[in-house]
């Protein structure tokens, strides 16, 4: 729809502008302040309003014929011909209105109009080009906004694809570690290996379902983490202890699905599992007026061989860090390495929306 016709106030302002513009040709027909000036305004205003209304479809012509260097000459020819036609039509309407007033009042406005035919024809052409120019400005602004929307949509689609890829990396990474554990237990404890397979299947079923939800409550994420810890307890036994401290408001906060499980997995694989006596995994969550803060800490053996993947935490920690960075909502991940303890702090806005 035409942008002027889309809004009633815009249409009223548009028509008011044409009424004001009628003053220019009226002052050319009769001198302002003279006795026939008001009659000249009466003669000029209706044709000029019709000119303005009739010029509205020029918006579509301007859209169809944009001003480009390669087609500028052709556009000017078409617009020039259209300007001449519109000016002649408008001039014909002016003369007809003047004859009608002269027939009713006999004040000689037709003669005044005929004396100014050349100047009035030029004014009609200028009015046409003024309308065409304003339409080109509107079309240009609309195309700029459409280009910005397309760029924003493309950026959003790219970000969503990146987040989906990062999320998809979680399961292969976890499966790699879990299948190694099953392989180790197959000979040492077949019954425990079967139990681990059952729990692993349950965990994967839950995690796949949760991954489809995008955003989940922290309490739901921690329930999934509990399922994972049950798997690890089969492998580590009494070497694994868990200290969980989550405030009720924090449990209701929403976070990206599958955000904490890779961090917990890293804390065990690269921390507690490296210690002969094991250790305590601590998970704490609290809220501030605007933020959710989740802290995951684990002991580690500083003398243990470094993991095959570069850096403490390997793929999982880097994955979570990239997911939070790509969210562009002020979420962040910070790490601290003490002599015998590693801590990860995840900070998220409590109204974090649209993060995968």
Protein backbone atom coordinates (compact mmCIF):
# COMPACT_ATOMS: atom_id res chain seq x y z
CA UNK A 1 0.00 0.00 0.00
CA UNK A 2 1.08 3.57 -0.66
CA UNK A 3 2.81 4.98 2.46
CA UNK A 4 0.54 8.06 2.45
CA UNK A 5 -2.65 5.98 2.23
CA UNK A 6 -1.46 3.67 5.02
CA UNK A 7 -1.91 6.38 7.66
CA UNK A 8 -4.93 8.71 7.84
CA UNK A 9 -2.88 11.46 9.46
CA UNK A 10 -0.30 11.25 6.70
CA UNK A 11 -3.05 11.60 4.09
CA UNK A 12 -4.49 14.67 5.84
CA UNK A 13 -1.04 16.26 6.04
CA UNK A 14 -0.42 15.45 2.37
CA UNK A 15 -3.66 17.10 1.26
CA UNK A 16 -3.04 20.11 3.52
CA UNK A 17 0.36 20.54 1.88
CA UNK A 18 -1.31 20.69 -1.54
CA UNK A 19 -3.81 23.28 -0.32
CA UNK A 20 -0.88 25.42 0.83
CA UNK A 21 0.90 24.88 -2.49
CA UNK A 22 -2.19 26.22 -4.26
CA UNK A 23 -1.15 29.68 -3.05
CA UNK A 24 1.74 29.74 -5.55
CA UNK A 25 -0.23 29.38 -8.81
CA UNK A 26 -3.10 31.45 -7.35
CA UNK A 27 -0.72 34.35 -6.69
CA UNK A 28 0.48 34.02 -10.29
CA UNK A 29 -3.07 34.25 -11.66
CA UNK A 30 -4.08 37.21 -9.49
CA UNK A 31 -2.01 39.46 -7.25
CA UNK A 32 -2.37 38.72 -3.53
CA UNK A 33 -4.44 41.38 -1.85
CA UNK A 34 -6.38 42.12 -5.04
CA UNK A 35 -10.07 41.74 -5.34
CA UNK A 36 -9.84 38.63 -7.52
CA UNK A 37 -7.18 36.80 -5.50
CA UNK A 38 -9.65 34.85 -3.33
CA UNK A 39 -11.51 33.79 -6.47
CA UNK A 40 -8.17 32.72 -7.96
CA UNK A 41 -7.57 30.58 -4.86
CA UNK A 42 -11.03 29.05 -5.34
CA UNK A 43 -10.17 28.29 -8.97
CA UNK A 44 -6.68 26.89 -8.36
CA UNK A 45 -7.21 24.80 -5.19
CA UNK A 46 -9.50 22.00 -6.52
CA UNK A 47 -7.33 21.23 -9.61
CA UNK A 48 -4.20 21.31 -7.46
CA UNK A 49 -5.74 18.90 -4.93
CA UNK A 50 -6.71 16.60 -7.81
CA UNK A 51 -3.15 16.94 -9.08
CA UNK A 52 -1.85 15.80 -5.69
CA UNK A 53 -4.23 12.86 -5.45
CA UNK A 54 -3.54 11.86 -9.03
CA UNK A 55 0.19 11.99 -8.37
CA UNK A 56 0.03 9.32 -5.64
CA UNK A 57 0.47 6.44 -8.15
CA UNK A 58 3.80 8.01 -9.12
CA UNK A 59 5.15 6.19 -6.05
CA UNK A 60 4.83 2.91 -7.91
CA UNK A 61 6.45 4.37 -11.05
CA UNK A 62 9.39 5.56 -8.93
CA UNK A 63 9.70 2.10 -7.39
CA UNK A 64 9.65 0.47 -10.83
CA UNK A 65 12.20 2.94 -12.26
CA UNK A 66 14.87 3.59 -9.61
CA UNK A 67 17.54 6.21 -10.19
CA UNK A 68 20.59 4.23 -11.23
CA UNK A 69 23.59 5.46 -13.25
CA UNK A 70 22.95 3.03 -16.08
CA UNK A 71 19.28 3.94 -16.51
CA UNK A 72 19.31 7.61 -15.48
CA UNK A 73 18.75 8.98 -19.02
CA UNK A 74 15.79 6.67 -19.66
CA UNK A 75 14.25 7.53 -16.28
CA UNK A 76 14.60 11.26 -16.94
CA UNK A 77 12.95 10.87 -20.36
CA UNK A 78 10.00 8.95 -18.94
CA UNK A 79 9.59 11.29 -15.97
CA UNK A 80 9.95 14.37 -18.18
CA UNK A 81 7.22 13.12 -20.54
CA UNK A 82 5.00 12.30 -17.57
CA UNK A 83 5.65 15.75 -16.08
CA UNK A 84 4.56 17.42 -19.32
CA UNK A 85 1.37 15.34 -19.50
CA UNK A 86 0.50 16.01 -15.86
CA UNK A 87 1.19 19.74 -16.25
CA UNK A 88 -1.05 19.94 -19.34
CA UNK A 89 -3.85 18.05 -17.58
CA UNK A 90 -3.55 20.33 -14.55
CA UNK A 91 -3.54 23.41 -16.77
CA UNK A 92 -6.66 22.15 -18.53
CA UNK A 93 -8.39 21.70 -15.16
CA UNK A 94 -7.37 25.23 -14.13
CA UNK A 95 -8.80 26.73 -17.30
CA UNK A 96 -12.02 24.73 -16.92
CA UNK A 97 -12.41 25.91 -13.31
CA UNK A 98 -11.73 29.52 -14.37
CA UNK A 99 -14.39 29.32 -17.10
CA UNK A 100 -16.85 27.90 -14.60
CA UNK A 101 -16.24 30.77 -12.16
CA UNK A 102 -16.44 33.31 -14.97
CA UNK A 103 -19.72 31.80 -16.10
CA UNK A 104 -21.08 32.21 -12.56
CA UNK A 105 -19.49 35.54 -11.59
CA UNK A 106 -18.02 37.03 -14.77
CA UNK A 107 -14.76 38.28 -13.17
CA UNK A 108 -12.38 37.53 -16.07
CA UNK A 109 -10.28 34.80 -14.44
CA UNK A 110 -10.08 32.85 -17.72
CA UNK A 111 -8.22 35.72 -19.34
CA UNK A 112 -5.79 35.88 -16.40
CA UNK A 113 -5.13 32.16 -16.64
CA UNK A 114 -4.52 32.36 -20.40
CA UNK A 115 -2.01 35.18 -19.89
CA UNK A 116 0.06 32.96 -17.58
CA UNK A 117 -0.15 29.70 -19.51
CA UNK A 118 3.63 29.35 -19.92
CA UNK A 119 4.40 30.12 -16.29
CA UNK A 120 1.58 27.89 -15.05
CA UNK A 121 2.80 25.07 -17.29
CA UNK A 122 6.26 25.41 -15.73
CA UNK A 123 4.75 25.37 -12.23
CA UNK A 124 2.83 22.19 -13.10
CA UNK A 125 6.06 20.54 -14.22
CA UNK A 126 7.84 21.65 -11.05
CA UNK A 127 5.00 20.29 -8.93
CA UNK A 128 5.32 16.95 -10.71
CA UNK A 129 9.06 16.76 -10.16
CA UNK A 130 8.60 17.76 -6.53
CA UNK A 131 6.21 14.84 -6.03
CA UNK A 132 8.46 12.46 -7.94
CA UNK A 133 11.47 13.58 -5.90
CA UNK A 134 9.64 13.03 -2.61
CA UNK A 135 8.58 9.56 -3.79
CA UNK A 136 12.16 8.71 -4.70
CA UNK A 137 13.24 9.74 -1.20
CA UNK A 138 10.55 7.52 0.33
CA UNK A 139 11.50 4.58 -1.90
CA UNK A 140 15.18 5.06 -1.06
CA UNK A 141 14.45 5.10 2.67
CA UNK A 142 12.27 1.98 2.37
CA UNK A 143 14.97 0.12 0.47
CA UNK A 144 17.58 1.14 3.03
CA UNK A 145 15.37 -0.16 5.85
CA UNK A 146 14.67 -3.38 3.92
CA UNK A 147 18.41 -3.85 3.37
CA UNK A 148 19.05 -3.35 7.10
CA UNK A 149 16.31 -5.88 7.92
CA UNK A 150 17.80 -8.41 5.49
CA UNK A 151 21.25 -7.89 6.96
CA UNK A 152 19.88 -8.26 10.50
CA UNK A 153 17.98 -11.41 9.50
CA UNK A 154 21.06 -12.89 7.85
CA UNK A 155 23.13 -12.11 10.94
CA UNK A 156 20.51 -13.69 13.20
CA UNK A 157 20.33 -16.81 11.03
CA UNK A 158 24.11 -17.08 11.06
CA UNK A 159 24.20 -16.68 14.84
CA UNK A 160 21.49 -19.30 15.28
CA UNK A 161 23.40 -21.68 12.99
CA UNK A 162 26.56 -21.13 15.02
CA UNK A 163 24.73 -21.78 18.28
CA UNK A 164 23.07 -24.89 16.88
CA UNK A 165 26.46 -26.19 15.75
CA UNK A 166 28.00 -25.53 19.15
CA UNK A 167 25.11 -27.29 20.87
CA UNK A 168 25.38 -30.23 18.49
CA UNK A 169 29.02 -30.70 19.54
CA UNK A 170 28.00 -31.47 23.13
CA UNK A 171 26.73 -35.02 22.52
CA UNK A 172 29.67 -36.34 20.49
CA UNK A 173 32.09 -34.97 23.11
CA UNK A 174 30.18 -36.57 25.97
CA UNK A 175 29.70 -39.84 24.11
CA UNK A 176 33.41 -40.07 23.48
CA UNK A 177 34.16 -39.96 27.20
CA UNK A 178 31.24 -42.21 28.19
CA UNK A 179 32.04 -44.92 25.66
CA UNK A 180 35.60 -44.97 26.92
CA UNK A 181 34.21 -45.59 30.41
CA UNK A 182 31.94 -48.41 29.15
CA UNK A 183 34.90 -49.96 27.35
CA UNK A 184 36.98 -49.88 30.55
CA UNK A 185 34.18 -51.50 32.61
CA UNK A 186 33.32 -54.22 30.09
CA UNK A 187 36.15 -56.45 31.28
CA UNK A 188 36.53 -55.24 34.87
CA UNK A 189 32.81 -55.22 35.79
CA UNK A 190 30.35 -56.33 33.05
CA UNK A 191 27.32 -55.81 35.30
CA UNK A 192 28.37 -52.22 35.97
CA UNK A 193 29.03 -51.71 32.26
CA UNK A 194 25.42 -52.77 31.50
CA UNK A 195 24.12 -50.39 34.19
CA UNK A 196 26.20 -47.60 32.71
CA UNK A 197 24.74 -48.26 29.25
CA UNK A 198 21.18 -48.06 30.63
CA UNK A 199 21.87 -44.80 32.43
CA UNK A 200 23.66 -43.42 29.41
CA UNK A 201 20.63 -44.13 27.22
CA UNK A 202 18.38 -42.39 29.77
CA UNK A 203 20.69 -39.38 29.89
CA UNK A 204 20.83 -39.06 26.10
CA UNK A 205 17.05 -39.31 25.82
CA UNK A 206 16.59 -36.52 28.36
CA UNK A 207 19.32 -34.32 26.94
CA UNK A 208 18.00 -34.61 23.39
CA UNK A 209 14.52 -33.63 24.57
CA UNK A 210 15.91 -30.71 26.56
CA UNK A 211 18.08 -29.52 23.68
CA UNK A 212 14.96 -28.98 21.59
CA UNK A 213 13.55 -26.53 24.14
CA UNK A 214 16.17 -23.81 23.75
CA UNK A 215 15.68 -22.18 27.16
CA UNK A 216 15.06 -24.18 30.33
CA UNK A 217 14.82 -23.56 34.06
CA UNK A 218 18.06 -23.92 35.96
CA UNK A 219 16.40 -26.57 38.12
CA UNK A 220 15.63 -28.64 34.99
CA UNK A 221 19.22 -28.29 33.79
CA UNK A 222 20.49 -29.40 37.21
CA UNK A 223 18.17 -32.41 37.11
CA UNK A 224 19.86 -33.45 33.86
CA UNK A 225 23.24 -32.81 35.47
CA UNK A 226 22.17 -35.13 38.30
CA UNK A 227 21.51 -37.88 35.74
CA UNK A 228 24.98 -37.34 34.34
CA UNK A 229 26.52 -37.46 37.82
CA UNK A 230 24.77 -40.77 38.40
CA UNK A 231 26.66 -42.12 35.40
CA UNK A 232 29.94 -40.78 36.72
CA UNK A 233 29.33 -42.26 40.17
CA UNK A 234 29.25 -45.70 38.55
CA UNK A 235 32.70 -45.04 37.17
CA UNK A 236 34.22 -43.16 40.13
CA UNK A 237 32.31 -44.58 43.09
CA UNK A 238 33.04 -42.89 46.41
CA UNK A 239 35.69 -40.73 44.81
CA UNK A 240 32.95 -38.36 43.64
CA UNK A 241 31.06 -36.15 46.06
CA UNK A 242 28.73 -33.28 45.16
CA UNK A 243 27.95 -30.08 47.05
CA UNK A 244 24.89 -28.39 45.53
CA UNK A 245 23.72 -24.99 46.78
CA UNK A 246 21.02 -23.34 44.68
CA UNK A 247 18.71 -20.61 45.97
CA UNK A 248 15.00 -21.01 45.07
CA UNK A 249 14.95 -17.87 42.85
CA UNK A 250 18.01 -19.14 41.00
CA UNK A 251 16.34 -22.48 40.36
CA UNK A 252 13.49 -20.72 38.54
CA UNK A 253 15.82 -18.64 36.35
CA UNK A 254 15.99 -19.63 32.68
CA UNK A 255 19.24 -20.53 30.98
CA UNK A 256 20.24 -21.96 27.58
CA UNK A 257 19.66 -25.70 27.50
CA UNK A 258 22.67 -28.00 27.97
CA UNK A 259 24.83 -25.12 29.19
CA UNK A 260 26.03 -26.57 32.50
CA UNK A 261 26.50 -30.26 31.64
CA UNK A 262 29.72 -29.69 29.63
CA UNK A 263 31.13 -27.62 32.50
CA UNK A 264 30.32 -30.34 35.04
CA UNK A 265 31.79 -32.95 32.72
CA UNK A 266 35.01 -30.95 32.44
CA UNK A 267 35.17 -30.52 36.21
CA UNK A 268 35.09 -34.30 36.63
CA UNK A 269 37.12 -35.44 33.61
CA UNK A 270 39.92 -32.89 33.97
CA UNK A 271 39.68 -32.44 37.74
CA UNK A 272 38.26 -35.00 40.15
CA UNK A 273 39.01 -38.01 37.94
CA UNK A 274 42.69 -37.05 37.95
CA UNK A 275 42.90 -37.40 41.74
CA UNK A 276 43.42 -40.80 43.34
CA UNK A 277 41.30 -39.84 46.36
CA UNK A 278 38.71 -38.00 44.26
CA UNK A 279 37.09 -34.83 45.48
CA UNK A 280 33.99 -32.71 45.86
CA UNK A 281 32.28 -31.05 42.93
CA UNK A 282 30.63 -27.81 44.09
CA UNK A 283 27.76 -26.17 42.21
CA UNK A 284 26.32 -22.91 43.55
CA UNK A 285 23.74 -20.62 41.99
CA UNK A 286 22.44 -17.28 43.20
CA UNK A 287 20.63 -14.32 41.74
CA UNK A 288 21.16 -10.57 41.91
CA UNK A 289 18.50 -8.05 40.84
CA UNK A 290 19.51 -8.47 37.19
CA UNK A 291 21.87 -11.45 36.95
CA UNK A 292 22.11 -15.17 37.57
CA UNK A 293 25.52 -16.33 38.78
CA UNK A 294 26.41 -20.04 38.61
CA UNK A 295 29.73 -21.19 40.08
CA UNK A 296 31.21 -24.64 39.44
CA UNK A 297 34.38 -25.62 41.30
CA UNK A 298 36.50 -28.73 41.43
CA UNK A 299 39.84 -29.82 42.82
CA UNK A 300 42.49 -31.15 40.47
CA UNK A 301 45.88 -32.73 40.68
CA UNK A 302 48.50 -30.22 39.51
CA UNK A 303 50.93 -33.13 38.96
CA UNK A 304 48.55 -35.02 36.68
CA UNK A 305 49.49 -35.22 32.96
CA UNK A 306 47.81 -32.48 30.90
CA UNK A 307 44.72 -33.55 28.94
CA UNK A 308 45.15 -34.38 25.29
CA UNK A 309 43.00 -31.40 24.38
CA UNK A 310 44.65 -28.03 24.83
CA UNK A 311 43.69 -26.09 27.93
CA UNK A 312 41.89 -26.92 31.12
CA UNK A 313 38.36 -27.94 30.18
CA UNK A 314 39.11 -28.75 26.53
CA UNK A 315 36.24 -28.71 24.05
CA UNK A 316 33.36 -28.34 26.51
CA UNK A 317 34.65 -25.17 28.19
CA UNK A 318 35.46 -23.52 24.87
CA UNK A 319 32.07 -24.58 23.52
CA UNK A 320 30.15 -22.96 26.38
CA UNK A 321 32.30 -19.83 26.16
CA UNK A 322 31.55 -19.45 22.44
CA UNK A 323 27.82 -20.06 22.99
CA UNK A 324 27.67 -17.28 25.57
CA UNK A 325 29.76 -14.93 23.43
CA UNK A 326 27.51 -15.55 20.42
CA UNK A 327 24.38 -14.87 22.46
CA UNK A 328 25.14 -11.10 22.48
CA UNK A 329 23.07 -10.59 25.64
CA UNK A 330 25.78 -9.73 28.13
CA UNK A 331 26.30 -13.33 29.26
CA UNK A 332 29.86 -14.29 30.15
CA UNK A 333 32.09 -17.10 31.39
CA UNK A 334 35.12 -16.59 33.63
CA UNK A 335 37.62 -19.12 34.94
CA UNK A 336 40.07 -19.08 37.86
CA UNK A 337 42.88 -21.55 38.37
CA UNK A 338 44.25 -21.78 41.89
CA UNK A 339 47.13 -24.11 42.85
CA UNK A 340 44.82 -27.09 43.40
CA UNK A 341 41.33 -25.89 42.43
CA UNK A 342 39.65 -24.82 39.22
CA UNK A 343 36.56 -22.57 39.23
CA UNK A 344 34.17 -21.57 36.46
CA UNK A 345 31.72 -18.68 36.92
CA UNK A 346 28.85 -18.26 34.46
CA UNK A 347 26.96 -14.97 34.57
CA UNK A 348 23.71 -14.53 32.67
CA UNK A 349 21.03 -11.82 32.62
CA UNK A 350 17.94 -13.07 34.40
CA UNK A 351 15.89 -12.08 31.33
CA UNK A 352 18.12 -13.76 28.76
CA UNK A 353 15.94 -14.51 25.74
CA UNK A 354 16.60 -16.00 22.36
CA UNK A 355 19.82 -17.84 23.25
CA UNK A 356 20.23 -21.34 21.92
